Amino acid sequence: MNNYNIAVIGSGIIGMTCALQLSKLNNVNVTLFGKEPQYSKHKTTAILQTSFNIFQDLISLKENDTIISALIKFKIIDQLSSTEKILEFYSSEINLNAFAYNVSDTDLSTLLIKEILNTDNIKREKILVKKILQDIDNIIIETSGKKETFDLIIGADGRNSITRDFANIEYTRKKYKENILITTIDHKEDHNGTSYEIHKNGSLLTSVPLSSKKSAIVYINDKKNIESFIENKKLQNIFNTTLSPYLGRVEMNSNFSELPSEVVIADKLAKNRVILVGESAHVFPPLGAQGLNLGIRDIKELYSLLAQNRDINPGSKVITNKYNEQRWLDVYKRHKSVNLLYNSMMENKTRYKILRNIGLQSLNKSKILRKILLSQGMVIEKK
């Protein structure tokens, strides 16, 4: 059996997870490029139940770990019309203990780094890649100090991926008029494992469980509105007024992050000994916990492909073309569904209102439709 050298560019959660997963292949040596990741204390990730097993396997993460908060109920409060509509989903409806497990990015990153340091066939290079060069048989990474040759490069370096650019992979970027604000809140009442999603004209406010009386917040609104709310110190009042009927008195953390709401889709997921995973391949607004979890499915598919074809060079067209074929449909479907859902909430247009009303009424009445929707959102495979 031949041994192969694989480079992972990008040392965030997806990059580290990819490096660890591929290190399970006994004929692969992995080099992880990227500086030590830095995450804000209030940034969290909701790991879907169907993605959780990869972290159980790689870093022994458990459902009852103190750093984990289970999301067992999902409550949508639709205030887009004069009549408020409420829709509740329970993880038990699809025979799951939880829809997702919420964890701080800092805690998850710390566990991944610890495991990487204890993995013999992963080499860490805490430096930035300057250039990627290609020849017939391999691909070369150039840093400030040296050049290294690899059979395959995996781009896990985010929405502004240099790997994607060096590989000449075209992409589409659509910026919405909204921004996304991320923070945490403390609240008087226990959330009881419930995530609240409150829809208003032009805005979306989502709370995701942390400790019993603490939740992560994702707030989407017009960029100008958010800037005005920050300048005039109105965010505390907005969050308290909107969430206090469900969580009691709310106090907002004084620290927050803000980023643009956008979609980025690579035209190809692989090209010329380069494979893209995570946000280097696809970026969506934070709806339905699709972001990181879509990246986890990229990693699982890539690992499965390499494990089944150990005697084939991982950078060959046989592998890269097959990865592109096997992952594209999932990425495309998520792109279309998230875009439709996003527009239905943010755009005050008649056709979207009609679609929303039909959808909400149908989901309230049909158990079969609810189960199909939940299973599709969780990506539960049929047995």
Protein backbone atom coordinates (compact mmCIF):
# COMPACT_ATOMS: atom_id res chain seq x y z
CA MET A 1 0.00 0.00 0.00
CA ASN A 2 1.30 3.44 -0.96
CA ASN A 3 1.67 6.24 1.58
CA TYR A 4 0.37 9.69 0.72
CA ASN A 5 0.90 13.23 2.00
CA ILE A 6 -2.12 15.46 2.46
CA ALA A 7 -2.14 19.13 3.46
CA VAL A 8 -5.08 20.78 5.21
CA ILE A 9 -5.02 24.56 4.89
CA GLY A 10 -7.00 26.25 7.64
CA SER A 11 -6.75 25.52 11.36
CA GLY A 12 -10.29 26.38 12.41
CA ILE A 13 -12.80 23.81 13.68
CA ILE A 14 -13.45 22.33 10.24
CA GLY A 15 -9.74 22.20 9.34
CA MET A 16 -8.77 20.51 12.61
CA THR A 17 -11.67 18.07 12.40
CA CYS A 18 -10.71 17.19 8.84
CA ALA A 19 -7.06 16.63 9.81
CA LEU A 20 -8.02 14.36 12.70
CA GLN A 21 -10.49 12.35 10.66
CA LEU A 22 -8.04 11.77 7.80
CA SER A 23 -5.30 10.81 10.28
CA LYS A 24 -7.34 7.65 10.95
CA LEU A 25 -6.19 6.39 7.54
CA ASN A 26 -3.05 4.33 8.11
CA ASN A 27 -1.48 5.28 4.76
CA VAL A 28 -1.81 9.05 5.13
CA ASN A 29 0.37 11.74 6.71
CA VAL A 30 -1.39 15.04 7.33
CA THR A 31 0.12 18.52 7.61
CA LEU A 32 -2.17 21.16 9.10
CA PHE A 33 -1.37 24.73 8.07
CA GLY A 34 -2.70 27.77 9.93
CA LYS A 35 -2.19 29.91 12.98
CA GLU A 36 -3.71 29.17 16.37
CA PRO A 37 -7.47 29.82 16.05
CA GLN A 38 -8.94 32.63 18.14
CA TYR A 39 -12.65 32.62 18.93
CA SER A 40 -14.72 35.11 20.85
CA LYS A 41 -16.07 33.79 24.16
CA HIS A 42 -19.69 34.13 23.06
CA LYS A 43 -19.34 32.35 19.67
CA THR A 44 -20.95 28.91 19.80
CA THR A 45 -21.66 26.05 17.41
CA ALA A 46 -24.77 23.86 17.32
CA ILE A 47 -23.65 20.36 16.33
CA LEU A 48 -26.57 18.42 14.89
CA GLN A 49 -27.24 15.06 16.50
CA THR A 50 -26.44 13.43 13.16
CA SER A 51 -22.99 15.14 13.10
CA PHE A 52 -22.16 14.59 16.75
CA ASN A 53 -20.70 11.11 16.29
CA ILE A 54 -17.61 12.45 14.54
CA PHE A 55 -16.68 14.40 17.68
CA GLN A 56 -17.51 11.43 19.87
CA ASP A 57 -15.03 9.38 17.85
CA LEU A 58 -12.29 11.99 17.47
CA ILE A 59 -12.23 13.79 20.84
CA SER A 60 -14.46 11.59 23.04
CA LEU A 61 -17.10 14.34 23.33
CA LYS A 62 -20.13 13.10 25.26
CA GLU A 63 -23.74 14.23 25.28
CA ASN A 64 -23.61 14.81 29.05
CA ASP A 65 -20.31 16.74 29.12
CA THR A 66 -20.53 19.94 31.13
CA ILE A 67 -19.49 22.05 28.12
CA ILE A 68 -22.45 20.70 26.10
CA SER A 69 -26.02 22.04 26.08
CA ALA A 70 -28.71 19.93 24.43
CA LEU A 71 -31.33 21.47 22.14
CA ILE A 72 -34.39 19.27 22.56
CA LYS A 73 -37.18 21.65 21.56
CA PHE A 74 -37.38 24.19 18.76
CA LYS A 75 -40.04 26.89 18.98
CA ILE A 76 -40.83 29.23 16.09
CA ILE A 77 -42.79 32.39 16.88
CA ASP A 78 -43.95 33.97 13.63
CA GLN A 79 -44.85 37.63 14.05
CA LEU A 80 -44.75 38.62 10.38
CA SER A 81 -48.50 39.16 10.23
CA SER A 82 -51.10 40.60 12.57
CA THR A 83 -51.87 37.12 13.91
CA GLU A 84 -48.97 35.48 15.74
CA LYS A 85 -48.32 31.89 14.77
CA ILE A 86 -46.43 29.41 16.96
CA LEU A 87 -44.85 26.20 15.78
CA GLU A 88 -43.12 23.74 18.13
CA PHE A 89 -40.87 20.82 17.25
CA TYR A 90 -39.59 18.16 19.65
CA SER A 91 -36.55 15.95 19.01
CA SER A 92 -38.58 12.97 20.23
CA GLU A 93 -40.76 13.32 17.10
CA ILE A 94 -37.90 11.77 15.10
CA ASN A 95 -36.66 9.51 17.91
CA LEU A 96 -33.66 11.64 18.87
CA ASN A 97 -32.52 12.68 22.34
CA ALA A 98 -31.77 16.16 20.99
CA PHE A 99 -31.78 18.06 17.72
CA ALA A 100 -28.32 19.44 18.41
CA TYR A 101 -25.67 20.03 21.05
CA ASN A 102 -24.45 23.57 21.53
CA VAL A 103 -20.83 24.15 22.51
CA SER A 104 -18.58 27.20 22.60
CA ASP A 105 -16.12 27.39 19.71
CA THR A 106 -13.32 27.98 22.21
CA ASP A 107 -14.07 24.76 24.13
CA LEU A 108 -14.44 22.69 20.97
CA SER A 109 -11.24 24.13 19.49
CA THR A 110 -9.28 23.40 22.69
CA LEU A 111 -10.30 19.72 22.61
CA LEU A 112 -9.40 19.40 18.92
CA ILE A 113 -5.96 20.98 19.42
CA LYS A 114 -5.23 18.67 22.36
CA GLU A 115 -6.02 15.60 20.26
CA ILE A 116 -3.98 16.86 17.30
CA LEU A 117 -0.94 17.28 19.52
CA ASN A 118 -1.28 13.62 20.54
CA THR A 119 -1.66 12.32 16.96
CA ASP A 120 1.58 11.06 15.42
CA ASN A 121 0.67 11.40 11.76
CA ILE A 122 -0.44 15.03 11.98
CA LYS A 123 2.20 17.73 11.70
CA ARG A 124 1.20 21.27 12.68
CA GLU A 125 2.60 24.23 10.79
CA LYS A 126 1.44 27.37 12.57
CA ILE A 127 2.27 29.53 9.57
CA LEU A 128 0.41 31.04 6.64
CA VAL A 129 0.56 29.62 3.14
CA LYS A 130 2.06 32.08 0.65
CA LYS A 131 1.55 30.23 -2.60
CA ILE A 132 0.31 26.95 -4.09
CA LEU A 133 2.08 25.58 -7.16
CA GLN A 134 1.23 22.57 -9.30
CA ASP A 135 3.10 20.16 -11.51
CA ILE A 136 2.08 16.93 -13.21
CA ASP A 137 2.46 14.53 -10.27
CA ASN A 138 1.91 16.60 -7.15
CA ILE A 139 1.12 20.00 -5.65
CA ILE A 140 3.50 22.30 -3.80
CA ILE A 141 2.85 24.60 -0.85
CA GLU A 142 5.16 27.55 -0.39
CA THR A 143 5.46 29.29 2.98
CA SER A 144 7.80 32.03 4.09
CA GLY A 145 10.52 29.51 4.91
CA LYS A 146 10.22 26.52 2.58
CA LYS A 147 8.41 24.49 -0.07
CA GLU A 148 6.65 21.19 0.62
CA THR A 149 5.19 18.67 -1.82
CA PHE A 150 1.81 16.95 -1.33
CA ASP A 151 -0.48 14.55 -3.16
CA LEU A 152 -3.62 16.46 -2.16
CA ILE A 153 -4.46 19.82 -0.64
CA ILE A 154 -7.69 20.36 1.27
CA GLY A 155 -8.94 23.92 1.54
CA ALA A 156 -10.58 24.48 4.92
CA ASP A 157 -9.66 28.15 5.13
CA GLY A 158 -13.09 29.75 5.16
CA ARG A 159 -15.19 32.05 3.04
CA ASN A 160 -12.21 34.08 1.81
CA SER A 161 -10.25 30.94 0.93
CA ILE A 162 -6.79 31.42 -0.60
CA THR A 163 -6.80 27.72 -1.48
CA ARG A 164 -9.84 28.26 -3.67
CA ASP A 165 -8.16 31.22 -5.35
CA PHE A 166 -4.86 29.42 -5.99
CA ALA A 167 -6.77 26.48 -7.49
CA ASN A 168 -8.61 28.89 -9.81
CA ILE A 169 -11.99 27.66 -8.62
CA GLU A 170 -14.64 30.23 -9.50
CA TYR A 171 -17.33 31.09 -6.98
CA THR A 172 -20.49 33.14 -6.58
CA ARG A 173 -20.89 35.58 -3.72
CA LYS A 174 -24.20 37.24 -2.86
CA LYS A 175 -24.27 39.79 -0.07
CA TYR A 176 -27.59 40.44 1.61
CA LYS A 177 -28.50 43.84 3.03
CA GLU A 178 -28.57 42.34 6.52
CA ASN A 179 -25.82 41.78 9.06
CA ILE A 180 -25.59 39.04 11.68
CA LEU A 181 -24.93 39.93 15.32
CA ILE A 182 -23.75 37.19 17.69
CA THR A 183 -23.68 37.45 21.47
CA THR A 184 -24.96 35.74 24.63
CA ILE A 185 -27.66 36.57 27.17
CA ASP A 186 -28.43 35.67 30.77
CA HIS A 187 -32.10 35.14 31.59
CA LYS A 188 -34.20 34.69 34.71
CA GLU A 189 -35.99 31.49 33.68
CA ASP A 190 -34.53 28.15 32.61
CA HIS A 191 -34.63 27.56 28.85
CA ASN A 192 -35.29 23.84 29.42
CA GLY A 193 -33.36 22.91 26.29
CA THR A 194 -35.49 25.12 24.06
CA SER A 195 -34.28 27.21 21.15
CA TYR A 196 -36.53 30.15 20.26
CA GLU A 197 -36.69 31.60 16.76
CA ILE A 198 -38.70 34.80 16.48
CA HIS A 199 -39.57 36.10 13.03
CA LYS A 200 -40.49 39.74 12.51
CA ASN A 201 -40.62 41.79 9.33
CA GLY A 202 -37.02 42.12 8.17
CA SER A 203 -35.44 40.49 11.22
CA LEU A 204 -34.80 37.15 12.86
CA LEU A 205 -33.84 36.61 16.50
CA THR A 206 -32.71 33.14 17.60
CA SER A 207 -31.70 31.95 21.07
CA VAL A 208 -29.80 28.69 21.48
CA PRO A 209 -29.40 26.95 24.88
CA LEU A 210 -26.16 27.20 26.83
CA SER A 211 -26.21 26.66 30.61
CA SER A 212 -29.67 26.51 32.22
CA LYS A 213 -30.13 30.30 32.39
CA LYS A 214 -27.84 31.37 29.58
CA SER A 215 -28.36 31.32 25.81
CA ALA A 216 -26.43 32.18 22.68
CA ILE A 217 -28.00 34.82 20.44
CA VAL A 218 -28.01 35.15 16.67
CA TYR A 219 -29.71 38.34 15.48
CA ILE A 220 -30.23 39.12 11.78
CA ASN A 221 -31.44 42.55 10.73
CA ASP A 222 -30.72 45.27 8.19
CA LYS A 223 -27.13 46.45 8.58
CA LYS A 224 -28.22 50.06 9.13
CA ASN A 225 -30.71 49.01 11.80
CA ILE A 226 -28.11 47.01 13.72
CA GLU A 227 -25.61 49.86 13.58
CA SER A 228 -28.29 52.25 14.85
CA PHE A 229 -29.29 49.88 17.67
CA ILE A 230 -25.65 49.54 18.74
CA GLU A 231 -25.02 53.29 18.61
CA ASN A 232 -28.17 54.09 20.57
CA LYS A 233 -27.73 51.15 22.98
CA LYS A 234 -31.10 49.61 22.07
CA LEU A 235 -30.09 45.98 21.71
CA GLN A 236 -30.64 45.18 25.38
CA ASN A 237 -34.19 46.51 25.20
CA ILE A 238 -34.92 44.66 21.93
CA PHE A 239 -33.70 41.32 23.26
CA ASN A 240 -35.47 41.72 26.60
CA THR A 241 -38.77 42.80 25.05
CA THR A 242 -38.73 40.00 22.48
CA LEU A 243 -37.50 37.11 24.64
CA SER A 244 -38.70 37.91 28.16
CA PRO A 245 -42.16 36.31 27.59
CA TYR A 246 -40.31 32.99 27.18
CA LEU A 247 -37.10 33.36 29.21
CA GLY A 248 -37.95 35.98 31.81
CA ARG A 249 -35.83 39.09 32.31
CA VAL A 250 -32.95 39.15 29.82
CA GLU A 251 -29.51 40.72 30.24
CA MET A 252 -27.30 41.01 27.17
CA ASN A 253 -23.56 40.38 27.28
CA SER A 254 -21.71 43.62 26.54
CA ASN A 255 -19.47 41.82 24.02
CA PHE A 256 -20.69 40.84 20.58
CA SER A 257 -19.51 40.01 17.07
CA GLU A 258 -20.95 41.27 13.81
CA LEU A 259 -20.52 39.80 10.34
CA PRO A 260 -22.17 40.20 6.94
CA SER A 261 -25.06 37.98 5.89
CA GLU A 262 -24.03 36.37 2.62
CA VAL A 263 -23.99 33.30 0.44
CA VAL A 264 -20.78 31.98 -1.10
CA ILE A 265 -20.91 28.94 -3.41
CA ALA A 266 -17.90 27.50 -5.20
CA ASP A 267 -18.60 26.47 -8.81
CA LYS A 268 -16.68 23.24 -8.14
CA LEU A 269 -15.80 21.47 -4.91
CA ALA A 270 -12.57 20.04 -6.31
CA LYS A 271 -10.02 20.82 -9.02
CA ASN A 272 -6.39 19.96 -9.82
CA ARG A 273 -5.44 18.09 -6.61
CA VAL A 274 -7.42 20.53 -4.46
CA ILE A 275 -10.60 19.67 -2.53
CA LEU A 276 -12.71 22.24 -0.69
CA VAL A 277 -14.53 21.58 2.59
CA GLY A 278 -16.61 23.79 4.87
CA GLU A 279 -16.89 27.51 4.21
CA SER A 280 -14.21 27.49 1.52
CA ALA A 281 -16.86 25.63 -0.53
CA HIS A 282 -20.15 27.01 0.80
CA VAL A 283 -21.34 29.79 3.11
CA PHE A 284 -24.98 30.34 4.11
CA PRO A 285 -26.79 32.57 6.62
CA PRO A 286 -27.07 30.83 10.03
CA LEU A 287 -30.39 29.03 9.58
CA GLY A 288 -31.11 25.50 10.77
CA ALA A 289 -27.52 24.85 11.94
CA GLN A 290 -26.54 24.01 8.36
CA GLY A 291 -23.13 25.74 8.25
CA LEU A 292 -20.67 23.63 10.24
CA ASN A 293 -22.78 20.52 9.83
CA LEU A 294 -22.60 20.72 6.05
CA GLY A 295 -18.83 20.94 6.42
CA ILE A 296 -18.85 17.84 8.64
CA ARG A 297 -20.65 15.95 5.87
CA ASP A 298 -17.92 17.10 3.45
CA ILE A 299 -15.32 15.58 5.78
CA LYS A 300 -17.22 12.32 6.24
CA GLU A 301 -17.67 11.89 2.49
CA LEU A 302 -14.00 12.63 1.80
CA TYR A 303 -12.85 10.19 4.48
CA SER A 304 -15.14 7.46 3.17
CA LEU A 305 -13.91 8.02 -0.38
CA LEU A 306 -10.24 7.80 0.59
CA ALA A 307 -10.82 4.81 2.87
CA GLN A 308 -12.47 2.87 0.03
CA ASN A 309 -9.72 3.78 -2.45
CA ARG A 310 -6.50 3.51 -0.44
CA ASP A 311 -4.43 2.41 -3.43
CA ILE A 312 -5.47 5.41 -5.53
CA ASN A 313 -3.57 8.70 -5.19
CA PRO A 314 -5.91 11.00 -3.22
CA GLY A 315 -5.14 13.92 -5.54
CA SER A 316 -6.01 12.01 -8.71
CA LYS A 317 -8.94 13.02 -10.87
CA VAL A 318 -10.66 9.76 -9.97
CA ILE A 319 -10.91 10.95 -6.35
CA THR A 320 -11.45 14.68 -6.86
CA ASN A 321 -14.13 14.20 -9.52
CA LYS A 322 -15.95 11.63 -7.41
CA TYR A 323 -15.87 13.91 -4.34
CA ASN A 324 -17.35 16.74 -6.40
CA GLU A 325 -20.10 14.48 -7.75
CA GLN A 326 -21.01 12.98 -4.39
CA ARG A 327 -21.12 16.25 -2.44
CA TRP A 328 -22.60 18.63 -5.00
CA LEU A 329 -26.27 17.61 -4.71
CA ASP A 330 -26.31 18.04 -0.91
CA VAL A 331 -24.64 21.46 -1.15
CA TYR A 332 -26.97 22.56 -3.96
CA LYS A 333 -30.12 21.46 -2.10
CA ARG A 334 -29.03 23.28 1.09
CA HIS A 335 -28.22 26.38 -0.92
CA LYS A 336 -31.68 26.48 -2.52
CA SER A 337 -33.62 25.66 0.66
CA VAL A 338 -31.73 28.10 2.90
CA ASN A 339 -32.02 30.86 0.29
CA LEU A 340 -35.79 30.33 -0.01
CA LEU A 341 -36.25 30.24 3.76
CA TYR A 342 -34.10 33.33 4.24
CA ASN A 343 -35.96 35.35 1.62
CA SER A 344 -39.32 34.27 3.01
CA MET A 345 -38.35 35.81 6.36
CA MET A 346 -36.48 38.90 5.20
CA GLU A 347 -38.45 39.94 2.11
CA ASN A 348 -41.91 41.42 2.70
CA LYS A 349 -43.33 40.16 -0.59
CA THR A 350 -46.74 38.62 -1.21
CA ARG A 351 -45.46 35.39 -2.76
CA TYR A 352 -43.28 34.73 0.27
CA LYS A 353 -46.13 35.48 2.66
CA ILE A 354 -48.35 32.99 0.86
CA LEU A 355 -45.64 30.31 0.95
CA ARG A 356 -45.02 30.91 4.66
CA ASN A 357 -48.70 30.73 5.59
CA ILE A 358 -49.23 27.52 3.64
CA GLY A 359 -46.08 26.00 5.13
CA LEU A 360 -46.89 26.89 8.73
CA GLN A 361 -50.47 25.66 8.48
CA SER A 362 -49.40 22.41 6.86
CA LEU A 363 -46.70 21.75 9.46
CA ASN A 364 -49.14 22.37 12.31
CA LYS A 365 -51.61 19.85 10.88
CA SER A 366 -49.53 17.08 9.34
CA LYS A 367 -47.35 14.77 11.45
CA ILE A 368 -46.01 13.13 8.30
CA LEU A 369 -44.91 16.46 6.83
CA ARG A 370 -43.31 17.46 10.13
CA LYS A 371 -41.34 14.23 10.24
CA ILE A 372 -40.17 14.64 6.64
CA LEU A 373 -39.07 18.22 7.28
CA LEU A 374 -37.22 17.35 10.49
CA SER A 375 -35.57 14.31 8.94
CA GLN A 376 -34.41 16.34 5.94
CA GLY A 377 -33.11 19.16 8.15
CA MET A 378 -31.24 16.70 10.35
CA VAL A 379 -30.06 14.70 7.32
CA ILE A 380 -31.30 11.41 8.74
CA GLU A 381 -30.59 8.60 6.30
CA LYS A 382 -33.21 5.98 5.59
CA LYS A 383 -32.29 2.51 6.81
